[in-house]
Amino acid sequence: MPYAAKIKSNPKKLCSYSLKFALAAASDAYKTVVKIGKSKGLTTTDKAVLADCKDSLKDSVEELQQCKEALDSINRNNSTSSDEAKFQTENIKTWASAALTDEYTCHDEIEEEKVGPTMKKKLDASVVKVSRSASILLAIVNGYCSNY
């Protein structure tokens, strides 16, 4: 556990680190989709799936950035019981859920369309990381960060 010493039992740090990882996973997945999209020999279906995933993952990145802004607002105000902190925590839940929905949209499209196995494997690897990290973020926010 490389971050256990930094986080200890601090829920704010736990939320911050889980958000950091979710945002990094979404950014990496978006970059992967952009990179694959520049490949030669893509089919029309591949291009359509990549375009849709690119849009969905871009939205995920933006939504997780909104989570970061909400968490930064909580940390700036340094109040754990204010109405503003509760409001921002609900915003984090909303944005994280939206990011997860966008990831699912991309994943569903990969599964439903007939994309090549190599591209499917590359996309799945990136998209699954987004799904896992956003799900973990949402669970942590629901379980540990709702007491702000």
N, C-alpha and C. Protein backbone atom coordinates (compact mmCIF):
# COMPACT_ATOMS: atom_id res chain seq x y z
N MET A 1 0.83 -1.18 0.00
CA MET A 1 0.00 0.00 0.00
C MET A 1 0.88 1.25 0.00
N PRO A 2 1.24 1.72 -1.17
CA PRO A 2 2.17 2.85 -1.24
C PRO A 2 1.62 4.16 -0.67
N TYR A 3 0.31 4.31 -0.60
CA TYR A 3 -0.26 5.58 -0.12
C TYR A 3 -0.83 5.48 1.28
N ALA A 4 -0.79 4.31 1.88
CA ALA A 4 -1.37 4.13 3.21
C ALA A 4 -0.75 5.06 4.24
N ALA A 5 0.57 5.24 4.17
CA ALA A 5 1.25 6.12 5.13
C ALA A 5 0.82 7.57 4.96
N LYS A 6 0.52 7.96 3.74
CA LYS A 6 0.09 9.34 3.49
C LYS A 6 -1.36 9.56 3.88
N ILE A 7 -2.19 8.57 3.61
CA ILE A 7 -3.62 8.70 3.86
C ILE A 7 -3.95 8.48 5.33
N LYS A 8 -3.32 7.48 5.94
CA LYS A 8 -3.60 7.06 7.31
C LYS A 8 -5.10 6.84 7.47
N SER A 9 -5.74 7.56 8.35
CA SER A 9 -7.19 7.40 8.52
C SER A 9 -7.92 8.70 8.20
N ASN A 10 -7.35 9.48 7.30
CA ASN A 10 -7.91 10.77 6.93
C ASN A 10 -8.86 10.63 5.74
N PRO A 11 -10.17 10.77 5.95
CA PRO A 11 -11.12 10.59 4.85
C PRO A 11 -10.92 11.59 3.71
N LYS A 12 -10.52 12.81 4.04
CA LYS A 12 -10.30 13.81 2.98
C LYS A 12 -9.16 13.37 2.07
N LYS A 13 -8.09 12.85 2.66
CA LYS A 13 -6.97 12.38 1.85
C LYS A 13 -7.37 11.15 1.04
N LEU A 14 -8.15 10.28 1.64
CA LEU A 14 -8.62 9.09 0.92
C LEU A 14 -9.44 9.51 -0.29
N CYS A 15 -10.33 10.46 -0.10
CA CYS A 15 -11.14 10.96 -1.22
C CYS A 15 -10.26 11.63 -2.27
N SER A 16 -9.31 12.43 -1.82
CA SER A 16 -8.42 13.12 -2.76
C SER A 16 -7.61 12.15 -3.60
N TYR A 17 -7.04 11.13 -2.96
CA TYR A 17 -6.23 10.17 -3.71
C TYR A 17 -7.08 9.32 -4.65
N SER A 18 -8.26 8.93 -4.21
CA SER A 18 -9.10 8.12 -5.10
C SER A 18 -9.55 8.95 -6.30
N LEU A 19 -9.80 10.23 -6.08
CA LEU A 19 -10.16 11.12 -7.19
C LEU A 19 -8.97 11.31 -8.13
N LYS A 20 -7.80 11.46 -7.55
CA LYS A 20 -6.58 11.62 -8.36
C LYS A 20 -6.41 10.42 -9.30
N PHE A 21 -6.60 9.22 -8.77
CA PHE A 21 -6.43 8.02 -9.59
C PHE A 21 -7.52 7.89 -10.65
N ALA A 22 -8.75 8.23 -10.29
CA ALA A 22 -9.84 8.16 -11.27
C ALA A 22 -9.61 9.14 -12.40
N LEU A 23 -9.18 10.35 -12.06
CA LEU A 23 -8.92 11.36 -13.08
C LEU A 23 -7.76 10.94 -13.98
N ALA A 24 -6.72 10.38 -13.39
CA ALA A 24 -5.58 9.90 -14.18
C ALA A 24 -6.00 8.76 -15.11
N ALA A 25 -6.82 7.85 -14.62
CA ALA A 25 -7.28 6.73 -15.46
C ALA A 25 -8.12 7.23 -16.62
N ALA A 26 -9.00 8.19 -16.36
CA ALA A 26 -9.84 8.74 -17.44
C ALA A 26 -8.99 9.48 -18.46
N SER A 27 -8.03 10.26 -17.99
CA SER A 27 -7.14 10.99 -18.90
C SER A 27 -6.32 10.02 -19.75
N ASP A 28 -5.80 8.98 -19.13
CA ASP A 28 -5.02 7.98 -19.87
C ASP A 28 -5.87 7.26 -20.90
N ALA A 29 -7.10 6.92 -20.53
CA ALA A 29 -8.00 6.23 -21.48
C ALA A 29 -8.32 7.14 -22.66
N TYR A 30 -8.56 8.40 -22.38
CA TYR A 30 -8.84 9.36 -23.45
C TYR A 30 -7.64 9.45 -24.40
N LYS A 31 -6.44 9.56 -23.85
CA LYS A 31 -5.23 9.63 -24.68
C LYS A 31 -5.05 8.36 -25.50
N THR A 32 -5.37 7.21 -24.91
CA THR A 32 -5.28 5.95 -25.64
C THR A 32 -6.23 5.93 -26.83
N VAL A 33 -7.45 6.39 -26.62
CA VAL A 33 -8.44 6.42 -27.70
C VAL A 33 -7.98 7.36 -28.81
N VAL A 34 -7.45 8.51 -28.44
CA VAL A 34 -6.94 9.46 -29.44
C VAL A 34 -5.80 8.83 -30.23
N LYS A 35 -4.90 8.16 -29.53
CA LYS A 35 -3.75 7.52 -30.19
C LYS A 35 -4.20 6.41 -31.14
N ILE A 36 -5.10 5.57 -30.69
CA ILE A 36 -5.60 4.49 -31.54
C ILE A 36 -6.32 5.08 -32.75
N GLY A 37 -7.02 6.17 -32.55
CA GLY A 37 -7.75 6.83 -33.64
C GLY A 37 -6.86 7.32 -34.76
N LYS A 38 -5.58 7.50 -34.47
CA LYS A 38 -4.63 7.96 -35.49
C LYS A 38 -4.00 6.79 -36.25
N SER A 39 -4.36 5.58 -35.87
CA SER A 39 -3.81 4.39 -36.53
C SER A 39 -4.33 4.27 -37.95
N LYS A 40 -3.55 3.64 -38.77
CA LYS A 40 -3.96 3.38 -40.16
C LYS A 40 -4.73 2.07 -40.20
N GLY A 41 -5.58 1.95 -41.21
CA GLY A 41 -6.30 0.71 -41.45
C GLY A 41 -7.52 0.50 -40.59
N LEU A 42 -8.03 1.54 -39.97
CA LEU A 42 -9.24 1.39 -39.16
C LEU A 42 -10.46 1.23 -40.05
N THR A 43 -11.35 0.37 -39.63
CA THR A 43 -12.61 0.20 -40.37
C THR A 43 -13.55 1.37 -40.03
N THR A 44 -14.61 1.46 -40.78
CA THR A 44 -15.62 2.49 -40.51
C THR A 44 -16.21 2.29 -39.12
N THR A 45 -16.45 1.04 -38.75
CA THR A 45 -16.97 0.73 -37.42
C THR A 45 -15.98 1.13 -36.34
N ASP A 46 -14.70 0.80 -36.55
CA ASP A 46 -13.66 1.18 -35.59
C ASP A 46 -13.65 2.69 -35.37
N LYS A 47 -13.71 3.42 -36.47
CA LYS A 47 -13.68 4.89 -36.38
C LYS A 47 -14.89 5.42 -35.63
N ALA A 48 -16.05 4.84 -35.88
CA ALA A 48 -17.27 5.29 -35.20
C ALA A 48 -17.20 5.01 -33.70
N VAL A 49 -16.74 3.81 -33.35
CA VAL A 49 -16.61 3.45 -31.94
C VAL A 49 -15.60 4.37 -31.26
N LEU A 50 -14.47 4.60 -31.92
CA LEU A 50 -13.44 5.47 -31.35
C LEU A 50 -13.95 6.90 -31.16
N ALA A 51 -14.70 7.39 -32.13
CA ALA A 51 -15.25 8.75 -32.02
C ALA A 51 -16.20 8.85 -30.83
N ASP A 52 -17.07 7.85 -30.69
CA ASP A 52 -18.01 7.86 -29.57
C ASP A 52 -17.29 7.72 -28.23
N CYS A 53 -16.32 6.82 -28.18
CA CYS A 53 -15.56 6.64 -26.94
C CYS A 53 -14.75 7.89 -26.60
N LYS A 54 -14.20 8.51 -27.61
CA LYS A 54 -13.45 9.75 -27.39
C LYS A 54 -14.34 10.80 -26.74
N ASP A 55 -15.55 10.96 -27.27
CA ASP A 55 -16.50 11.92 -26.69
C ASP A 55 -16.88 11.54 -25.26
N SER A 56 -17.17 10.27 -25.05
CA SER A 56 -17.58 9.81 -23.72
C SER A 56 -16.46 9.97 -22.70
N LEU A 57 -15.24 9.60 -23.09
CA LEU A 57 -14.12 9.70 -22.16
C LEU A 57 -13.73 11.15 -21.91
N LYS A 58 -13.88 11.99 -22.91
CA LYS A 58 -13.63 13.42 -22.70
C LYS A 58 -14.61 13.95 -21.66
N ASP A 59 -15.86 13.54 -21.79
CA ASP A 59 -16.87 13.93 -20.80
C ASP A 59 -16.50 13.40 -19.41
N SER A 60 -16.02 12.16 -19.33
CA SER A 60 -15.61 11.60 -18.04
C SER A 60 -14.50 12.42 -17.40
N VAL A 61 -13.52 12.80 -18.21
CA VAL A 61 -12.41 13.62 -17.70
C VAL A 61 -12.96 14.94 -17.16
N GLU A 62 -13.84 15.57 -17.91
CA GLU A 62 -14.41 16.85 -17.48
C GLU A 62 -15.24 16.69 -16.21
N GLU A 63 -15.98 15.61 -16.11
CA GLU A 63 -16.80 15.38 -14.92
C GLU A 63 -15.93 15.11 -13.69
N LEU A 64 -14.87 14.36 -13.88
CA LEU A 64 -13.96 14.11 -12.75
C LEU A 64 -13.21 15.39 -12.38
N GLN A 65 -12.96 16.25 -13.34
CA GLN A 65 -12.37 17.55 -13.04
C GLN A 65 -13.34 18.37 -12.19
N GLN A 66 -14.63 18.26 -12.50
CA GLN A 66 -15.65 18.93 -11.68
C GLN A 66 -15.63 18.37 -10.25
N CYS A 67 -15.42 17.07 -10.12
CA CYS A 67 -15.29 16.46 -8.79
C CYS A 67 -14.12 17.09 -8.04
N LYS A 68 -13.01 17.24 -8.74
CA LYS A 68 -11.81 17.82 -8.13
C LYS A 68 -12.08 19.25 -7.67
N GLU A 69 -12.76 20.02 -8.49
CA GLU A 69 -13.08 21.40 -8.11
C GLU A 69 -13.99 21.43 -6.89
N ALA A 70 -14.94 20.52 -6.82
CA ALA A 70 -15.83 20.45 -5.65
C ALA A 70 -15.05 20.05 -4.40
N LEU A 71 -14.17 19.06 -4.54
CA LEU A 71 -13.36 18.63 -3.39
C LEU A 71 -12.40 19.73 -2.96
N ASP A 72 -11.81 20.43 -3.93
CA ASP A 72 -10.94 21.56 -3.60
C ASP A 72 -11.70 22.63 -2.83
N SER A 73 -12.95 22.86 -3.21
CA SER A 73 -13.79 23.84 -2.51
C SER A 73 -14.01 23.42 -1.06
N ILE A 74 -14.27 22.15 -0.85
CA ILE A 74 -14.45 21.64 0.52
C ILE A 74 -13.17 21.84 1.32
N ASN A 75 -12.05 21.47 0.73
CA ASN A 75 -10.77 21.57 1.43
C ASN A 75 -10.38 23.02 1.70
N ARG A 76 -10.69 23.92 0.78
CA ARG A 76 -10.39 25.35 0.97
C ARG A 76 -11.18 25.91 2.15
N ASN A 77 -12.44 25.54 2.21
CA ASN A 77 -13.30 26.06 3.27
C ASN A 77 -13.03 25.39 4.61
N ASN A 78 -12.40 24.22 4.57
CA ASN A 78 -11.94 23.50 5.76
C ASN A 78 -13.04 23.32 6.81
N SER A 79 -14.24 23.13 6.35
CA SER A 79 -15.35 22.90 7.27
C SER A 79 -15.95 21.54 6.97
N THR A 80 -16.11 20.74 8.00
CA THR A 80 -16.63 19.40 7.77
C THR A 80 -18.12 19.28 8.02
N SER A 81 -18.77 20.32 8.45
CA SER A 81 -20.19 20.20 8.74
C SER A 81 -21.04 21.28 8.07
N SER A 82 -20.44 22.09 7.26
CA SER A 82 -21.20 23.19 6.65
C SER A 82 -22.13 22.69 5.56
N ASP A 83 -23.15 23.48 5.31
CA ASP A 83 -24.07 23.16 4.22
C ASP A 83 -23.35 23.16 2.88
N GLU A 84 -22.38 24.06 2.73
CA GLU A 84 -21.61 24.12 1.48
C GLU A 84 -20.83 22.83 1.26
N ALA A 85 -20.23 22.30 2.31
CA ALA A 85 -19.48 21.05 2.19
C ALA A 85 -20.40 19.90 1.81
N LYS A 86 -21.57 19.86 2.40
CA LYS A 86 -22.54 18.81 2.06
C LYS A 86 -22.99 18.95 0.61
N PHE A 87 -23.22 20.18 0.20
CA PHE A 87 -23.61 20.45 -1.19
C PHE A 87 -22.52 19.99 -2.15
N GLN A 88 -21.27 20.33 -1.84
CA GLN A 88 -20.16 19.95 -2.72
C GLN A 88 -19.95 18.43 -2.73
N THR A 89 -20.18 17.78 -1.60
CA THR A 89 -20.08 16.32 -1.55
C THR A 89 -21.13 15.69 -2.46
N GLU A 90 -22.33 16.22 -2.45
CA GLU A 90 -23.37 15.72 -3.36
C GLU A 90 -22.98 15.98 -4.81
N ASN A 91 -22.34 17.12 -5.07
CA ASN A 91 -21.84 17.39 -6.42
C ASN A 91 -20.81 16.36 -6.85
N ILE A 92 -19.92 16.00 -5.94
CA ILE A 92 -18.91 14.99 -6.25
C ILE A 92 -19.59 13.67 -6.62
N LYS A 93 -20.58 13.28 -5.86
CA LYS A 93 -21.31 12.04 -6.15
C LYS A 93 -21.97 12.11 -7.53
N THR A 94 -22.57 13.24 -7.83
CA THR A 94 -23.24 13.41 -9.12
C THR A 94 -22.25 13.33 -10.26
N TRP A 95 -21.14 14.06 -10.16
CA TRP A 95 -20.15 14.09 -11.24
C TRP A 95 -19.46 12.73 -11.39
N ALA A 96 -19.17 12.06 -10.28
CA ALA A 96 -18.54 10.73 -10.36
C ALA A 96 -19.49 9.72 -11.01
N SER A 97 -20.77 9.80 -10.67
CA SER A 97 -21.76 8.92 -11.29
C SER A 97 -21.87 9.19 -12.79
N ALA A 98 -21.83 10.46 -13.16
CA ALA A 98 -21.89 10.81 -14.58
C ALA A 98 -20.66 10.29 -15.32
N ALA A 99 -19.49 10.41 -14.69
CA ALA A 99 -18.26 9.90 -15.31
C ALA A 99 -18.35 8.39 -15.52
N LEU A 100 -18.90 7.71 -14.55
CA LEU A 100 -19.07 6.26 -14.65
C LEU A 100 -20.05 5.90 -15.76
N THR A 101 -21.12 6.65 -15.87
CA THR A 101 -22.10 6.42 -16.94
C THR A 101 -21.45 6.61 -18.31
N ASP A 102 -20.64 7.64 -18.46
CA ASP A 102 -19.96 7.87 -19.74
C ASP A 102 -18.99 6.74 -20.06
N GLU A 103 -18.31 6.24 -19.06
CA GLU A 103 -17.41 5.11 -19.28
C GLU A 103 -18.21 3.90 -19.73
N TYR A 104 -19.34 3.65 -19.09
CA TYR A 104 -20.17 2.51 -19.48
C TYR A 104 -20.66 2.65 -20.92
N THR A 105 -20.96 3.86 -21.32
CA THR A 105 -21.40 4.11 -22.70
C THR A 105 -20.32 3.67 -23.67
N CYS A 106 -19.09 4.04 -23.39
CA CYS A 106 -17.96 3.64 -24.24
C CYS A 106 -17.80 2.12 -24.21
N HIS A 107 -17.82 1.55 -23.03
CA HIS A 107 -17.63 0.10 -22.90
C HIS A 107 -18.72 -0.67 -23.63
N ASP A 108 -19.96 -0.22 -23.50
CA ASP A 108 -21.07 -0.89 -24.19
C ASP A 108 -20.87 -0.85 -25.70
N GLU A 109 -20.43 0.28 -26.20
CA GLU A 109 -20.22 0.40 -27.64
C GLU A 109 -19.11 -0.54 -28.12
N ILE A 110 -18.05 -0.66 -27.34
CA ILE A 110 -16.96 -1.59 -27.68
C ILE A 110 -17.50 -3.01 -27.75
N GLU A 111 -18.35 -3.36 -26.79
CA GLU A 111 -18.89 -4.72 -26.73
C GLU A 111 -19.91 -4.99 -27.83
N GLU A 112 -20.74 -4.01 -28.15
CA GLU A 112 -21.83 -4.22 -29.09
C GLU A 112 -21.40 -4.18 -30.55
N GLU A 113 -20.41 -3.38 -30.86
CA GLU A 113 -19.97 -3.25 -32.25
C GLU A 113 -18.89 -4.29 -32.55
N LYS A 114 -18.71 -4.56 -33.80
CA LYS A 114 -17.72 -5.55 -34.21
C LYS A 114 -16.38 -4.86 -34.48
N VAL A 115 -15.66 -4.55 -33.42
CA VAL A 115 -14.34 -3.96 -33.58
C VAL A 115 -13.31 -5.08 -33.57
N GLY A 116 -12.16 -4.80 -34.14
CA GLY A 116 -11.10 -5.80 -34.20
C GLY A 116 -10.64 -6.22 -32.81
N PRO A 117 -10.17 -7.47 -32.67
CA PRO A 117 -9.79 -7.98 -31.35
C PRO A 117 -8.62 -7.22 -30.72
N THR A 118 -7.67 -6.77 -31.53
CA THR A 118 -6.53 -6.02 -30.99
C THR A 118 -6.99 -4.69 -30.43
N MET A 119 -7.82 -3.98 -31.21
CA MET A 119 -8.33 -2.70 -30.74
C MET A 119 -9.22 -2.89 -29.52
N LYS A 120 -10.05 -3.93 -29.54
CA LYS A 120 -10.94 -4.20 -28.41
C LYS A 120 -10.12 -4.41 -27.14
N LYS A 121 -9.05 -5.18 -27.25
CA LYS A 121 -8.21 -5.46 -26.09
C LYS A 121 -7.58 -4.18 -25.54
N LYS A 122 -7.06 -3.33 -26.42
CA LYS A 122 -6.44 -2.07 -25.98
C LYS A 122 -7.46 -1.15 -25.33
N LEU A 123 -8.62 -1.03 -25.96
CA LEU A 123 -9.66 -0.16 -25.43
C LEU A 123 -10.19 -0.68 -24.09
N ASP A 124 -10.46 -1.98 -24.04
CA ASP A 124 -10.99 -2.56 -22.81
C ASP A 124 -10.04 -2.33 -21.64
N ALA A 125 -8.74 -2.51 -21.87
CA ALA A 125 -7.76 -2.33 -20.80
C ALA A 125 -7.84 -0.93 -20.20
N SER A 126 -7.95 0.07 -21.06
CA SER A 126 -8.01 1.46 -20.58
C SER A 126 -9.36 1.78 -19.95
N VAL A 127 -10.42 1.36 -20.61
CA VAL A 127 -11.76 1.71 -20.16
C VAL A 127 -12.11 1.03 -18.84
N VAL A 128 -11.66 -0.20 -18.65
CA VAL A 128 -11.93 -0.91 -17.41
C VAL A 128 -11.26 -0.19 -16.23
N LYS A 129 -10.07 0.37 -16.44
CA LYS A 129 -9.41 1.12 -15.37
C LYS A 129 -10.24 2.33 -14.96
N VAL A 130 -10.85 2.99 -15.93
CA VAL A 130 -11.72 4.13 -15.62
C VAL A 130 -12.91 3.65 -14.80
N SER A 131 -13.51 2.58 -15.24
CA SER A 131 -14.68 2.04 -14.54
C SER A 131 -14.35 1.69 -13.10
N ARG A 132 -13.27 0.97 -12.92
CA ARG A 132 -12.88 0.55 -11.57
C ARG A 132 -12.57 1.74 -10.68
N SER A 133 -11.76 2.66 -11.20
CA SER A 133 -11.35 3.79 -10.36
C SER A 133 -12.52 4.72 -10.06
N ALA A 134 -13.41 4.93 -11.02
CA ALA A 134 -14.59 5.78 -10.77
C ALA A 134 -15.55 5.09 -9.80
N SER A 135 -15.68 3.78 -9.91
CA SER A 135 -16.54 3.04 -8.97
C SER A 135 -15.97 3.11 -7.56
N ILE A 136 -14.67 2.95 -7.45
CA ILE A 136 -14.01 3.03 -6.14
C ILE A 136 -14.18 4.44 -5.57
N LEU A 137 -13.97 5.45 -6.41
CA LEU A 137 -14.17 6.83 -5.96
C LEU A 137 -15.57 7.02 -5.41
N LEU A 138 -16.55 6.57 -6.15
CA LEU A 138 -17.94 6.74 -5.73
C LEU A 138 -18.21 6.00 -4.41
N ALA A 139 -17.68 4.80 -4.28
CA ALA A 139 -17.85 4.05 -3.03
C ALA A 139 -17.19 4.76 -1.86
N ILE A 140 -16.00 5.28 -2.08
CA ILE A 140 -15.29 5.99 -1.01
C ILE A 140 -16.04 7.26 -0.62
N VAL A 141 -16.50 8.00 -1.61
CA VAL A 141 -17.24 9.23 -1.31
C VAL A 141 -18.52 8.89 -0.55
N ASN A 142 -19.22 7.86 -0.97
CA ASN A 142 -20.45 7.46 -0.28
C ASN A 142 -20.18 6.95 1.13
N GLY A 143 -19.07 6.25 1.30
CA GLY A 143 -18.79 5.62 2.59
C GLY A 143 -18.02 6.46 3.58
N TYR A 144 -17.08 7.25 3.08
CA TYR A 144 -16.16 7.94 3.98
C TYR A 144 -16.20 9.46 3.89
N CYS A 145 -16.66 9.98 2.79
CA CYS A 145 -16.57 11.42 2.58
C CYS A 145 -17.91 12.12 2.72
N SER A 146 -18.92 11.39 3.06
CA SER A 146 -20.24 12.00 3.18
C SER A 146 -20.41 12.74 4.50
N ASN A 147 -19.44 12.65 5.36
CA ASN A 147 -19.53 13.31 6.67
C ASN A 147 -18.88 14.68 6.68
N TYR A 148 -18.58 15.21 5.53
CA TYR A 148 -17.96 16.54 5.48
C TYR A 148 -18.87 17.57 6.07
